[in-house]
Amino acid sequence: MELPPSHQEVAASTHERHWDGIAAYCRPENEVSLGFVEGLNNKIRVIQRRAYGLRDEE
């Protein structure tokens, strides 16, 4: 019996699918505010900290 994916797994797969678009949006020529980029970076770091120690299914 397979368990449904956790919130972290869903968020990780969403970020993985949309990463190219996120990176393209943050290019300097798009003049994105540094606050937005710093906030995004902080969210990524929080996800990494919370996921520390979780095992990969592979």
Protein backbone atom coordinates (compact mmCIF):
# COMPACT_ATOMS: atom_id res chain seq x y z
CA MET A 1 0.00 0.00 0.00
CA GLU A 2 1.49 3.31 -1.08
CA LEU A 3 1.12 6.39 1.11
CA PRO A 4 0.05 9.69 -0.44
CA PRO A 5 2.90 12.19 -0.98
CA SER A 6 3.69 14.55 1.88
CA HIS A 7 3.46 18.33 1.57
CA GLN A 8 7.26 18.55 1.28
CA GLU A 9 7.30 16.03 -1.56
CA VAL A 10 4.58 17.91 -3.42
CA ALA A 11 6.39 21.24 -2.95
CA ALA A 12 9.70 19.73 -4.06
CA SER A 13 8.20 18.26 -7.22
CA THR A 14 6.48 21.58 -8.00
CA HIS A 15 9.75 23.49 -7.61
CA GLU A 16 11.54 20.90 -9.72
CA ARG A 17 8.99 21.19 -12.54
CA HIS A 18 9.01 25.00 -12.55
CA TRP A 19 12.67 25.68 -11.77
CA ASP A 20 13.62 26.78 -15.30
CA GLY A 21 10.85 29.40 -15.30
CA ILE A 22 11.79 30.63 -11.82
CA ALA A 23 15.45 30.97 -12.80
CA ALA A 24 14.53 32.78 -16.04
CA TYR A 25 12.31 35.21 -14.10
CA CYS A 26 15.15 36.12 -11.74
CA ARG A 27 17.55 37.23 -14.48
CA PRO A 28 18.96 40.76 -14.09
CA GLU A 29 17.37 42.07 -17.29
CA ASN A 30 13.91 41.39 -15.82
CA GLU A 31 14.69 43.86 -13.01
CA VAL A 32 13.29 41.65 -10.25
CA SER A 33 13.64 43.22 -6.80
CA LEU A 34 16.36 41.82 -4.59
CA GLY A 35 13.78 41.35 -1.84
CA PHE A 36 11.91 38.83 -3.98
CA VAL A 37 15.09 36.94 -4.84
CA GLU A 38 16.24 36.93 -1.20
CA GLY A 39 12.82 35.71 -0.06
CA LEU A 40 12.90 32.90 -2.63
CA ASN A 41 16.41 31.96 -1.55
CA ASN A 42 15.30 31.89 2.08
CA LYS A 43 12.35 29.60 1.28
CA ILE A 44 14.69 27.22 -0.57
CA ARG A 45 17.05 27.13 2.43
CA VAL A 46 14.15 26.43 4.82
CA ILE A 47 13.00 23.52 2.63
CA GLN A 48 16.55 22.15 2.60
CA ARG A 49 16.83 22.41 6.41
CA ARG A 50 13.47 20.72 6.99
CA ALA A 51 14.31 17.94 4.53
CA TYR A 52 17.68 17.17 6.14
CA GLY A 53 17.87 13.50 7.00
CA LEU A 54 14.95 12.38 4.84
CA ARG A 55 15.80 9.44 2.65
CA ASP A 56 15.46 9.39 -1.11
CA GLU A 57 13.15 6.67 -2.47
CA GLU A 58 15.63 5.69 -5.21
